Structure formats: C-alpha cells, structure tokens
Amino acid sequence: MPAAHEPALARLARSKQLSELAALVASSQDSERELLGLRFAARLSFAEMAPLLKRKESAVKMSLYRLLERLERQLEAKDV
C-alpha cells in the first residue's frame, strides 16, 4: 500500500513497474511461476520447496535467483 505522503508521480511509476512485472511473470513458464508462488505467496523455505519440486535445495535456490535476476534485467530493459 503506498504511503499517503508518496508523490503522485512516484506512485504512478511504481504502479507501472508492478504492472510490467506482472506481465513478465504471466509470460514466464509454468515452472517459473510455481517457483515464485511457492517462495513468495506460500512463503516456503528452500528446504520446504525442494521435496515438492523433486529437486535439491541448492538447485531450487539457484533457479529462483536466476529467475529473479532475469526478471530484474527485463524490467530494467523496459525502463530504457
């Protein structure tokens, strides 16, 4: 929720960035959306995610970090 004192332009920019992020996530592969959902929506730890995904904990962690880095690069590219 935006702070009441946040300038309107900053709120607009944040809203646009969140919309762009949502579009990037929506266009991601199912397995990538699952990673994001388990980590951020379900708030599971990497140790909890690993058996659900039938992967090693280190592989889950690396996959999520790579995905987050890619999403960040894509967002930055849209800001150019």
C-alpha atoms as a PDB file:
ATOM      1  CA  MET A   1       0.000   0.000   0.000  1.00  0.00           C
ATOM      2  CA  PRO A   2       1.518   3.332  -0.966  1.00  0.00           C
ATOM      3  CA  ALA A   3       2.284   5.836   1.739  1.00  0.00           C
ATOM      4  CA  ALA A   4      -0.040   8.820   1.898  1.00  0.00           C
ATOM      5  CA  HIS A   5       2.893  11.210   1.502  1.00  0.00           C
ATOM      6  CA  GLU A   6       4.299   9.453  -1.580  1.00  0.00           C
ATOM      7  CA  PRO A   7       4.182  11.829  -4.546  1.00  0.00           C
ATOM      8  CA  ALA A   8       1.642  11.000  -7.244  1.00  0.00           C
ATOM      9  CA  LEU A   9       4.355  10.629  -9.894  1.00  0.00           C
ATOM     10  CA  ALA A  10       6.225   8.104  -7.754  1.00  0.00           C
ATOM     11  CA  ARG A  11       3.015   6.120  -7.188  1.00  0.00           C
ATOM     12  CA  LEU A  12       2.345   6.118 -10.912  1.00  0.00           C
ATOM     13  CA  ALA A  13       5.869   4.918 -11.700  1.00  0.00           C
ATOM     14  CA  ARG A  14       5.610   2.174  -9.074  1.00  0.00           C
ATOM     15  CA  SER A  15       2.223   1.099 -10.421  1.00  0.00           C
ATOM     16  CA  LYS A  16       3.616   0.929 -13.956  1.00  0.00           C
ATOM     17  CA  GLN A  17       6.602  -1.106 -12.791  1.00  0.00           C
ATOM     18  CA  LEU A  18       4.346  -3.526 -10.908  1.00  0.00           C
ATOM     19  CA  SER A  19       2.161  -3.917 -13.998  1.00  0.00           C
ATOM     20  CA  GLU A  20       5.221  -4.656 -16.117  1.00  0.00           C
ATOM     21  CA  LEU A  21       6.459  -7.189 -13.560  1.00  0.00           C
ATOM     22  CA  ALA A  22       3.048  -8.890 -13.503  1.00  0.00           C
ATOM     23  CA  ALA A  23       3.132  -9.165 -17.299  1.00  0.00           C
ATOM     24  CA  LEU A  24       6.631 -10.668 -17.208  1.00  0.00           C
ATOM     25  CA  VAL A  25       5.586 -13.204 -14.579  1.00  0.00           C
ATOM     26  CA  ALA A  26       2.439 -14.077 -16.541  1.00  0.00           C
ATOM     27  CA  SER A  27       4.537 -14.751 -19.632  1.00  0.00           C
ATOM     28  CA  SER A  28       7.004 -16.927 -17.694  1.00  0.00           C
ATOM     29  CA  GLN A  29       6.996 -20.704 -17.864  1.00  0.00           C
ATOM     30  CA  ASP A  30       4.695 -22.634 -15.529  1.00  0.00           C
ATOM     31  CA  SER A  31       7.675 -23.980 -13.574  1.00  0.00           C
ATOM     32  CA  GLU A  32       8.963 -20.438 -13.021  1.00  0.00           C
ATOM     33  CA  ARG A  33       5.588 -19.210 -11.796  1.00  0.00           C
ATOM     34  CA  GLU A  34       5.476 -22.220  -9.470  1.00  0.00           C
ATOM     35  CA  LEU A  35       8.864 -21.257  -8.007  1.00  0.00           C
ATOM     36  CA  LEU A  36       7.680 -17.698  -7.402  1.00  0.00           C
ATOM     37  CA  GLY A  37       4.397 -18.860  -5.918  1.00  0.00           C
ATOM     38  CA  LEU A  38       5.963 -21.309  -3.501  1.00  0.00           C
ATOM     39  CA  ARG A  39       8.584 -18.846  -2.335  1.00  0.00           C
ATOM     40  CA  PHE A  40       6.598 -15.619  -2.130  1.00  0.00           C
ATOM     41  CA  ALA A  41       2.890 -16.500  -1.971  1.00  0.00           C
ATOM     42  CA  ALA A  42       3.206 -19.666   0.126  1.00  0.00           C
ATOM     43  CA  ARG A  43       6.293 -18.284   1.908  1.00  0.00           C
ATOM     44  CA  LEU A  44       8.057 -21.642   1.859  1.00  0.00           C
ATOM     45  CA  SER A  45      11.753 -22.000   2.581  1.00  0.00           C
ATOM     46  CA  PHE A  46      14.070 -23.530   0.012  1.00  0.00           C
ATOM     47  CA  ALA A  47      14.223 -26.656   2.185  1.00  0.00           C
ATOM     48  CA  GLU A  48      10.415 -26.914   2.069  1.00  0.00           C
ATOM     49  CA  MET A  49      10.261 -26.255  -1.668  1.00  0.00           C
ATOM     50  CA  ALA A  50      12.873 -28.845  -2.685  1.00  0.00           C
ATOM     51  CA  PRO A  51      10.869 -32.028  -1.997  1.00  0.00           C
ATOM     52  CA  LEU A  52       7.731 -30.539  -3.547  1.00  0.00           C
ATOM     53  CA  LEU A  53       9.670 -29.819  -6.739  1.00  0.00           C
ATOM     54  CA  LYS A  54      11.653 -33.086  -6.529  1.00  0.00           C
ATOM     55  CA  ARG A  55      14.908 -31.136  -6.742  1.00  0.00           C
ATOM     56  CA  LYS A  56      17.868 -30.472  -4.495  1.00  0.00           C
ATOM     57  CA  GLU A  57      17.602 -27.435  -2.269  1.00  0.00           C
ATOM     58  CA  SER A  58      20.650 -25.845  -3.914  1.00  0.00           C
ATOM     59  CA  ALA A  59      19.088 -26.301  -7.375  1.00  0.00           C
ATOM     60  CA  VAL A  60      15.844 -24.668  -6.251  1.00  0.00           C
ATOM     61  CA  LYS A  61      17.737 -21.736  -4.760  1.00  0.00           C
ATOM     62  CA  MET A  62      19.861 -21.252  -7.889  1.00  0.00           C
ATOM     63  CA  SER A  63      16.817 -21.485 -10.179  1.00  0.00           C
ATOM     64  CA  LEU A  64      14.931 -18.866  -8.211  1.00  0.00           C
ATOM     65  CA  TYR A  65      17.876 -16.471  -8.022  1.00  0.00           C
ATOM     66  CA  ARG A  66      18.495 -16.798 -11.764  1.00  0.00           C
ATOM     67  CA  LEU A  67      14.812 -16.192 -12.454  1.00  0.00           C
ATOM     68  CA  LEU A  68      14.772 -13.093 -10.236  1.00  0.00           C
ATOM     69  CA  GLU A  69      17.899 -11.748 -11.932  1.00  0.00           C
ATOM     70  CA  ARG A  70      16.342 -12.294 -15.367  1.00  0.00           C
ATOM     71  CA  LEU A  71      13.117 -10.559 -14.349  1.00  0.00           C
ATOM     72  CA  GLU A  72      15.128  -7.644 -12.969  1.00  0.00           C
ATOM     73  CA  ARG A  73      17.107  -7.322 -16.227  1.00  0.00           C
ATOM     74  CA  GLN A  74      13.887  -7.423 -18.250  1.00  0.00           C
ATOM     75  CA  LEU A  75      12.329  -4.708 -16.084  1.00  0.00           C
ATOM     76  CA  GLU A  76      15.419  -2.533 -16.416  1.00  0.00           C
ATOM     77  CA  ALA A  77      15.381  -3.003 -20.200  1.00  0.00           C
ATOM     78  CA  LYS A  78      11.794  -1.734 -20.315  1.00  0.00           C
ATOM     79  CA  ASP A  79      12.825   1.429 -18.450  1.00  0.00           C
ATOM     80  CA  VAL A  80      15.264   2.463 -21.185  1.00  0.00           C
END
